[in-house]
Amino acid sequence: MFVGCLTASQKTDATCRSIPIFYQLTFEGRIKTKAAYKRPNEADTGKWVVDGYFETDWQPSDIERSELPIALELAGLYEQMLRRLLPLPSRAGETLKAQVERLGQICIKQKECRKMEARLNKEKQFNRKVELNAQLRQLKLELANLM
């Protein structure tokens, strides 16, 4: 189907699925940038999936904004802009997809650590506390390797 043959709603729908989403929120003299990481669906490559949202902290609205990165294609521009919002730097040779997946694994491990610490604090038996503490140390080691 040619683009000229599409209705207005079909064009809007296709655009929303295919372009990256970046927001700049302004509230009470402060500004925050938020972006969605979109990737092709693994089952249907014609569809896009939002894999996560990344944002900056609230900053004064009069702060000097950085310039757009130099890129030869939109995919490169999107990747550079999104990497600026990620909380951890990328590893050498790490793709954006791999970095986002690693950030997801870090969140999961942090949640597991919090749960394990809560279980450890509730446990009364010393021998069971020793086991939980060993598991907690292992989780923290895995978390450190991901960071």
N, C-alpha and C. Protein backbone atom coordinates (compact mmCIF):
# COMPACT_ATOMS: atom_id res chain seq x y z
N MET A 1 0.84 -1.18 0.00
CA MET A 1 0.00 0.00 0.00
C MET A 1 0.89 1.24 0.00
N PHE A 2 0.59 2.18 -0.86
CA PHE A 2 1.35 3.41 -0.94
C PHE A 2 0.94 4.35 0.18
N VAL A 3 1.90 5.18 0.63
CA VAL A 3 1.63 6.13 1.70
C VAL A 3 0.52 7.08 1.30
N GLY A 4 0.46 7.48 0.05
CA GLY A 4 -0.57 8.40 -0.42
C GLY A 4 -1.97 7.81 -0.34
N CYS A 5 -2.08 6.48 -0.31
CA CYS A 5 -3.38 5.82 -0.26
C CYS A 5 -3.88 5.60 1.17
N LEU A 6 -3.08 5.89 2.16
CA LEU A 6 -3.47 5.68 3.55
C LEU A 6 -4.35 6.82 4.05
N THR A 7 -5.28 6.48 4.94
CA THR A 7 -6.09 7.53 5.57
C THR A 7 -5.24 8.23 6.62
N ALA A 8 -5.74 9.35 7.14
CA ALA A 8 -5.00 10.13 8.13
C ALA A 8 -4.74 9.33 9.40
N SER A 9 -5.73 8.57 9.86
CA SER A 9 -5.53 7.78 11.09
C SER A 9 -4.52 6.66 10.86
N GLN A 10 -4.51 6.06 9.69
CA GLN A 10 -3.53 5.02 9.40
C GLN A 10 -2.12 5.59 9.36
N LYS A 11 -1.98 6.80 8.80
CA LYS A 11 -0.67 7.45 8.76
C LYS A 11 -0.18 7.75 10.17
N THR A 12 -1.07 8.28 11.02
CA THR A 12 -0.71 8.60 12.40
C THR A 12 -0.32 7.34 13.15
N ASP A 13 -1.11 6.29 12.97
CA ASP A 13 -0.84 5.03 13.66
C ASP A 13 0.50 4.45 13.23
N ALA A 14 0.79 4.47 11.93
CA ALA A 14 2.05 3.95 11.43
C ALA A 14 3.23 4.78 11.94
N THR A 15 3.04 6.10 12.00
CA THR A 15 4.11 6.97 12.48
C THR A 15 4.41 6.70 13.95
N CYS A 16 3.37 6.55 14.77
CA CYS A 16 3.57 6.31 16.21
C CYS A 16 4.29 5.00 16.47
N ARG A 17 4.06 4.02 15.62
CA ARG A 17 4.74 2.74 15.82
C ARG A 17 6.19 2.77 15.37
N SER A 18 6.49 3.58 14.39
CA SER A 18 7.82 3.50 13.79
C SER A 18 8.81 4.55 14.28
N ILE A 19 8.36 5.64 14.86
CA ILE A 19 9.32 6.67 15.28
C ILE A 19 9.57 6.58 16.78
N PRO A 20 10.73 7.01 17.20
CA PRO A 20 11.02 7.03 18.63
C PRO A 20 10.19 8.10 19.33
N ILE A 21 9.96 7.88 20.61
CA ILE A 21 9.16 8.81 21.39
C ILE A 21 10.06 9.50 22.41
N PHE A 22 10.17 10.81 22.34
CA PHE A 22 10.90 11.62 23.31
C PHE A 22 9.94 12.69 23.83
N TYR A 23 9.92 12.86 25.15
CA TYR A 23 9.08 13.89 25.77
C TYR A 23 9.97 14.85 26.53
N GLN A 24 9.54 16.10 26.60
CA GLN A 24 10.14 17.06 27.52
C GLN A 24 8.99 17.60 28.35
N LEU A 25 9.01 17.27 29.62
CA LEU A 25 7.96 17.71 30.53
C LEU A 25 8.43 18.95 31.26
N THR A 26 7.55 19.91 31.40
CA THR A 26 7.86 21.15 32.12
C THR A 26 6.84 21.31 33.23
N PHE A 27 7.34 21.62 34.44
CA PHE A 27 6.45 21.79 35.58
C PHE A 27 7.11 22.71 36.60
N GLU A 28 6.45 23.79 36.92
CA GLU A 28 6.90 24.74 37.94
C GLU A 28 8.37 25.14 37.79
N GLY A 29 8.73 25.53 36.59
CA GLY A 29 10.08 26.02 36.35
C GLY A 29 11.15 24.94 36.27
N ARG A 30 10.72 23.70 36.16
CA ARG A 30 11.67 22.59 36.03
C ARG A 30 11.34 21.81 34.76
N ILE A 31 12.33 21.05 34.29
CA ILE A 31 12.16 20.30 33.05
C ILE A 31 12.72 18.89 33.22
N LYS A 32 12.08 17.93 32.57
CA LYS A 32 12.51 16.54 32.61
C LYS A 32 12.36 15.97 31.21
N THR A 33 13.35 15.21 30.76
CA THR A 33 13.29 14.55 29.47
C THR A 33 13.01 13.08 29.69
N LYS A 34 12.11 12.54 28.91
CA LYS A 34 11.73 11.14 29.04
C LYS A 34 11.67 10.55 27.64
N ALA A 35 12.11 9.30 27.49
CA ALA A 35 12.11 8.65 26.19
C ALA A 35 11.73 7.18 26.33
N ALA A 36 11.15 6.65 25.28
CA ALA A 36 10.78 5.24 25.23
C ALA A 36 11.77 4.51 24.33
N TYR A 37 12.25 3.38 24.79
CA TYR A 37 13.09 2.53 23.94
C TYR A 37 12.16 1.60 23.18
N LYS A 38 12.18 1.72 21.88
CA LYS A 38 11.34 0.87 21.04
C LYS A 38 12.22 -0.05 20.22
N ARG A 39 11.76 -1.29 20.10
CA ARG A 39 12.48 -2.28 19.30
C ARG A 39 11.48 -3.06 18.47
N PRO A 40 11.93 -3.69 17.39
CA PRO A 40 11.01 -4.51 16.60
C PRO A 40 10.55 -5.72 17.42
N ASN A 41 9.30 -6.09 17.25
CA ASN A 41 8.75 -7.27 17.91
C ASN A 41 9.46 -8.51 17.37
N GLU A 42 9.85 -9.41 18.25
CA GLU A 42 10.58 -10.61 17.82
C GLU A 42 9.68 -11.55 17.03
N ALA A 43 8.38 -11.60 17.37
CA ALA A 43 7.46 -12.49 16.67
C ALA A 43 7.00 -11.90 15.34
N ASP A 44 6.78 -10.59 15.31
CA ASP A 44 6.29 -9.92 14.11
C ASP A 44 7.13 -8.67 13.89
N THR A 45 8.10 -8.74 12.98
CA THR A 45 9.03 -7.64 12.79
C THR A 45 8.37 -6.38 12.24
N GLY A 46 7.13 -6.48 11.79
CA GLY A 46 6.41 -5.30 11.31
C GLY A 46 5.87 -4.45 12.44
N LYS A 47 5.87 -4.99 13.65
CA LYS A 47 5.34 -4.26 14.79
C LYS A 47 6.49 -3.87 15.72
N TRP A 48 6.26 -2.79 16.47
CA TRP A 48 7.26 -2.29 17.41
C TRP A 48 6.75 -2.46 18.83
N VAL A 49 7.68 -2.69 19.74
CA VAL A 49 7.37 -2.90 21.15
C VAL A 49 8.14 -1.88 21.97
N VAL A 50 7.47 -1.23 22.93
CA VAL A 50 8.16 -0.33 23.86
C VAL A 50 8.78 -1.22 24.92
N ASP A 51 10.10 -1.16 25.03
CA ASP A 51 10.83 -2.05 25.93
C ASP A 51 11.22 -1.38 27.23
N GLY A 52 10.99 -0.10 27.36
CA GLY A 52 11.32 0.58 28.61
C GLY A 52 11.32 2.08 28.42
N TYR A 53 11.14 2.78 29.53
CA TYR A 53 11.18 4.23 29.53
C TYR A 53 12.37 4.69 30.35
N PHE A 54 13.04 5.71 29.88
CA PHE A 54 14.19 6.27 30.58
C PHE A 54 14.01 7.78 30.68
N GLU A 55 14.48 8.34 31.79
CA GLU A 55 14.25 9.77 32.01
C GLU A 55 15.39 10.39 32.79
N THR A 56 15.45 11.71 32.69
CA THR A 56 16.41 12.47 33.49
C THR A 56 15.73 12.87 34.79
N ASP A 57 16.50 13.38 35.72
CA ASP A 57 15.92 13.96 36.92
C ASP A 57 15.35 15.33 36.56
N TRP A 58 14.52 15.87 37.44
CA TRP A 58 14.01 17.22 37.24
C TRP A 58 15.17 18.20 37.34
N GLN A 59 15.25 19.11 36.37
CA GLN A 59 16.31 20.11 36.33
C GLN A 59 15.68 21.49 36.16
N PRO A 60 16.40 22.54 36.53
CA PRO A 60 15.86 23.88 36.28
C PRO A 60 15.64 24.09 34.79
N SER A 61 14.59 24.78 34.43
CA SER A 61 14.28 24.96 33.01
C SER A 61 15.26 25.89 32.30
N ASP A 62 16.00 26.69 33.07
CA ASP A 62 16.96 27.60 32.44
C ASP A 62 18.34 26.96 32.26
N ILE A 63 18.46 25.66 32.53
CA ILE A 63 19.74 24.96 32.37
C ILE A 63 20.09 24.91 30.88
N GLU A 64 21.37 24.97 30.59
CA GLU A 64 21.81 24.92 29.20
C GLU A 64 21.62 23.51 28.66
N ARG A 65 20.92 23.41 27.57
CA ARG A 65 20.65 22.10 26.97
C ARG A 65 21.78 21.70 26.04
N SER A 66 22.04 20.41 26.00
CA SER A 66 23.07 19.92 25.10
C SER A 66 22.53 19.91 23.67
N GLU A 67 23.43 20.01 22.74
CA GLU A 67 23.04 20.02 21.33
C GLU A 67 22.74 18.60 20.88
N LEU A 68 22.00 18.50 19.77
CA LEU A 68 21.72 17.19 19.21
C LEU A 68 23.02 16.55 18.74
N PRO A 69 23.17 15.25 18.95
CA PRO A 69 24.39 14.59 18.47
C PRO A 69 24.41 14.54 16.94
N ILE A 70 25.59 14.44 16.41
CA ILE A 70 25.76 14.35 14.96
C ILE A 70 25.59 12.89 14.56
N ALA A 71 24.70 12.65 13.61
CA ALA A 71 24.44 11.29 13.15
C ALA A 71 24.11 11.33 11.67
N LEU A 72 24.44 10.25 10.99
CA LEU A 72 24.18 10.15 9.56
C LEU A 72 22.81 9.57 9.25
N GLU A 73 22.20 8.93 10.23
CA GLU A 73 20.89 8.31 10.03
C GLU A 73 20.06 8.46 11.29
N LEU A 74 18.76 8.31 11.16
CA LEU A 74 17.87 8.47 12.30
C LEU A 74 18.12 7.43 13.39
N ALA A 75 18.44 6.20 13.01
CA ALA A 75 18.70 5.16 14.00
C ALA A 75 19.90 5.53 14.87
N GLY A 76 20.92 6.09 14.27
CA GLY A 76 22.10 6.52 15.02
C GLY A 76 21.80 7.69 15.94
N LEU A 77 20.98 8.62 15.46
CA LEU A 77 20.58 9.76 16.29
C LEU A 77 19.75 9.29 17.47
N TYR A 78 18.80 8.40 17.23
CA TYR A 78 17.95 7.84 18.29
C TYR A 78 18.80 7.14 19.34
N GLU A 79 19.74 6.34 18.90
CA GLU A 79 20.60 5.60 19.83
C GLU A 79 21.43 6.55 20.69
N GLN A 80 22.02 7.55 20.09
CA GLN A 80 22.84 8.50 20.85
C GLN A 80 22.01 9.31 21.84
N MET A 81 20.82 9.72 21.42
CA MET A 81 19.96 10.50 22.32
C MET A 81 19.46 9.64 23.48
N LEU A 82 19.12 8.39 23.19
CA LEU A 82 18.62 7.51 24.24
C LEU A 82 19.73 7.12 25.22
N ARG A 83 20.92 6.90 24.72
CA ARG A 83 22.05 6.54 25.60
C ARG A 83 22.34 7.64 26.62
N ARG A 84 22.04 8.89 26.27
CA ARG A 84 22.24 10.00 27.22
C ARG A 84 21.33 9.88 28.44
N LEU A 85 20.20 9.21 28.27
CA LEU A 85 19.22 9.08 29.35
C LEU A 85 19.42 7.84 30.21
N LEU A 86 20.23 6.90 29.74
CA LEU A 86 20.42 5.65 30.48
C LEU A 86 21.23 5.90 31.74
N PRO A 87 20.87 5.24 32.83
CA PRO A 87 21.53 5.52 34.12
C PRO A 87 22.97 5.00 34.23
N LEU A 88 23.33 4.00 33.43
CA LEU A 88 24.69 3.45 33.48
C LEU A 88 25.34 3.57 32.11
N PRO A 89 26.64 3.80 32.07
CA PRO A 89 27.32 3.88 30.77
C PRO A 89 27.38 2.51 30.11
N SER A 90 27.52 2.51 28.80
CA SER A 90 27.61 1.25 28.07
C SER A 90 29.01 0.66 28.22
N ARG A 91 29.08 -0.63 28.09
CA ARG A 91 30.37 -1.32 28.10
C ARG A 91 30.95 -1.24 26.69
N ALA A 92 32.23 -1.53 26.58
CA ALA A 92 32.90 -1.46 25.27
C ALA A 92 32.23 -2.43 24.30
N GLY A 93 31.78 -1.90 23.17
CA GLY A 93 31.18 -2.72 22.12
C GLY A 93 29.76 -3.17 22.41
N GLU A 94 29.14 -2.66 23.46
CA GLU A 94 27.78 -3.08 23.83
C GLU A 94 26.75 -2.35 22.98
N THR A 95 25.84 -3.10 22.40
CA THR A 95 24.78 -2.49 21.61
C THR A 95 23.74 -1.87 22.54
N LEU A 96 22.90 -1.02 21.98
CA LEU A 96 21.84 -0.39 22.77
C LEU A 96 20.89 -1.45 23.31
N LYS A 97 20.53 -2.42 22.49
CA LYS A 97 19.63 -3.49 22.93
C LYS A 97 20.23 -4.26 24.09
N ALA A 98 21.51 -4.60 24.00
CA ALA A 98 22.17 -5.34 25.08
C ALA A 98 22.25 -4.50 26.35
N GLN A 99 22.48 -3.21 26.20
CA GLN A 99 22.56 -2.32 27.36
C GLN A 99 21.21 -2.22 28.06
N VAL A 100 20.14 -2.10 27.30
CA VAL A 100 18.80 -2.02 27.88
C VAL A 100 18.45 -3.34 28.58
N GLU A 101 18.82 -4.46 27.97
CA GLU A 101 18.58 -5.76 28.60
C GLU A 101 19.36 -5.88 29.90
N ARG A 102 20.61 -5.41 29.90
CA ARG A 102 21.43 -5.45 31.12
C ARG A 102 20.81 -4.58 32.21
N LEU A 103 20.28 -3.42 31.85
CA LEU A 103 19.62 -2.56 32.83
C LEU A 103 18.38 -3.24 33.40
N GLY A 104 17.66 -3.97 32.57
CA GLY A 104 16.51 -4.73 33.04
C GLY A 104 16.92 -5.82 34.03
N GLN A 105 18.03 -6.51 33.73
CA GLN A 105 18.53 -7.54 34.64
C GLN A 105 18.99 -6.93 35.96
N ILE A 106 19.57 -5.74 35.90
CA ILE A 106 20.01 -5.06 37.13
C ILE A 106 18.80 -4.75 38.00
N CYS A 107 17.72 -4.26 37.40
CA CYS A 107 16.51 -3.96 38.17
C CYS A 107 15.95 -5.22 38.83
N ILE A 108 15.96 -6.32 38.11
CA ILE A 108 15.47 -7.59 38.66
C ILE A 108 16.33 -8.03 39.83
N LYS A 109 17.65 -7.95 39.68
CA LYS A 109 18.56 -8.36 40.76
C LYS A 109 18.41 -7.45 41.98
N GLN A 110 18.23 -6.16 41.76
CA GLN A 110 18.05 -5.24 42.89
C GLN A 110 16.77 -5.58 43.66
N LYS A 111 15.72 -5.92 42.92
CA LYS A 111 14.46 -6.30 43.56
C LYS A 111 14.64 -7.59 44.36
N GLU A 112 15.35 -8.56 43.79
CA GLU A 112 15.61 -9.81 44.50
C GLU A 112 16.43 -9.56 45.76
N CYS A 113 17.40 -8.65 45.70
CA CYS A 113 18.22 -8.31 46.87
C CYS A 113 17.35 -7.70 47.98
N ARG A 114 16.45 -6.80 47.61
CA ARG A 114 15.57 -6.19 48.61
C ARG A 114 14.68 -7.24 49.28
N LYS A 115 14.16 -8.17 48.47
CA LYS A 115 13.32 -9.23 49.03
C LYS A 115 14.12 -10.13 49.96
N MET A 116 15.35 -10.46 49.55
CA MET A 116 16.19 -11.33 50.36
C MET A 116 16.57 -10.63 51.67
N GLU A 117 16.85 -9.34 51.61
CA GLU A 117 17.17 -8.58 52.84
C GLU A 117 15.97 -8.55 53.78
N ALA A 118 14.79 -8.41 53.23
CA ALA A 118 13.58 -8.42 54.07
C ALA A 118 13.39 -9.78 54.72
N ARG A 119 13.60 -10.84 53.96
CA ARG A 119 13.49 -12.19 54.53
C ARG A 119 14.54 -12.41 55.61
N LEU A 120 15.75 -11.91 55.37
CA LEU A 120 16.83 -12.05 56.34
C LEU A 120 16.50 -11.32 57.63
N ASN A 121 15.93 -10.14 57.53
CA ASN A 121 15.57 -9.37 58.72
C ASN A 121 14.43 -10.00 59.52
N LYS A 122 13.54 -10.72 58.84
CA LYS A 122 12.42 -11.36 59.52
C LYS A 122 12.80 -12.70 60.15
N GLU A 123 13.82 -13.33 59.63
CA GLU A 123 14.21 -14.68 60.09
C GLU A 123 14.77 -14.64 61.51
N LYS A 124 14.34 -15.60 62.32
CA LYS A 124 14.78 -15.68 63.72
C LYS A 124 15.87 -16.73 63.93
N GLN A 125 15.84 -17.81 63.14
CA GLN A 125 16.80 -18.90 63.35
C GLN A 125 18.17 -18.55 62.76
N PHE A 126 19.19 -18.75 63.57
CA PHE A 126 20.55 -18.37 63.17
C PHE A 126 21.02 -19.15 61.94
N ASN A 127 20.81 -20.49 61.95
CA ASN A 127 21.30 -21.29 60.82
C ASN A 127 20.60 -20.90 59.52
N ARG A 128 19.32 -20.55 59.59
CA ARG A 128 18.60 -20.11 58.40
C ARG A 128 19.09 -18.73 57.96
N LYS A 129 19.44 -17.86 58.91
CA LYS A 129 20.00 -16.54 58.59
C LYS A 129 21.33 -16.68 57.85
N VAL A 130 22.14 -17.66 58.25
CA VAL A 130 23.42 -17.89 57.59
C VAL A 130 23.19 -18.27 56.13
N GLU A 131 22.22 -19.15 55.87
CA GLU A 131 21.90 -19.55 54.50
C GLU A 131 21.41 -18.36 53.67
N LEU A 132 20.49 -17.59 54.24
CA LEU A 132 19.96 -16.42 53.53
C LEU A 132 21.05 -15.39 53.26
N ASN A 133 21.94 -15.22 54.22
CA ASN A 133 23.04 -14.26 54.05
C ASN A 133 23.96 -14.70 52.92
N ALA A 134 24.22 -16.00 52.81
CA ALA A 134 25.05 -16.52 51.72
C ALA A 134 24.36 -16.26 50.37
N GLN A 135 23.05 -16.49 50.32
CA GLN A 135 22.31 -16.24 49.09
C GLN A 135 22.32 -14.75 48.73
N LEU A 136 22.21 -13.91 49.75
CA LEU A 136 22.24 -12.46 49.54
C LEU A 136 23.60 -12.01 49.00
N ARG A 137 24.67 -12.55 49.56
CA ARG A 137 26.01 -12.21 49.06
C ARG A 137 26.16 -12.63 47.60
N GLN A 138 25.63 -13.81 47.24
CA GLN A 138 25.70 -14.28 45.86
C GLN A 138 24.92 -13.33 44.93
N LEU A 139 23.73 -12.91 45.36
CA LEU A 139 22.96 -11.96 44.56
C LEU A 139 23.69 -10.64 44.37
N LYS A 140 24.31 -10.16 45.43
CA LYS A 140 25.04 -8.90 45.35
C LYS A 140 26.26 -9.02 44.44
N LEU A 141 26.88 -10.18 44.44
CA LEU A 141 28.02 -10.42 43.54
C LEU A 141 27.54 -10.42 42.08
N GLU A 142 26.41 -11.08 41.80
CA GLU A 142 25.85 -11.07 40.45
C GLU A 142 25.46 -9.66 40.01
N LEU A 143 24.92 -8.89 40.95
CA LEU A 143 24.55 -7.51 40.66
C LEU A 143 25.78 -6.67 40.33
N ALA A 144 26.83 -6.86 41.10
CA ALA A 144 28.07 -6.11 40.85
C ALA A 144 28.66 -6.45 39.48
N ASN A 145 28.54 -7.72 39.06
CA ASN A 145 29.05 -8.12 37.74
C ASN A 145 28.24 -7.48 36.61
N LEU A 146 26.97 -7.24 36.85
CA LEU A 146 26.13 -6.61 35.82
C LEU A 146 26.43 -5.12 35.69
N MET A 147 26.83 -4.51 36.78
CA MET A 147 27.10 -3.08 36.74
C MET A 147 28.46 -2.86 36.16
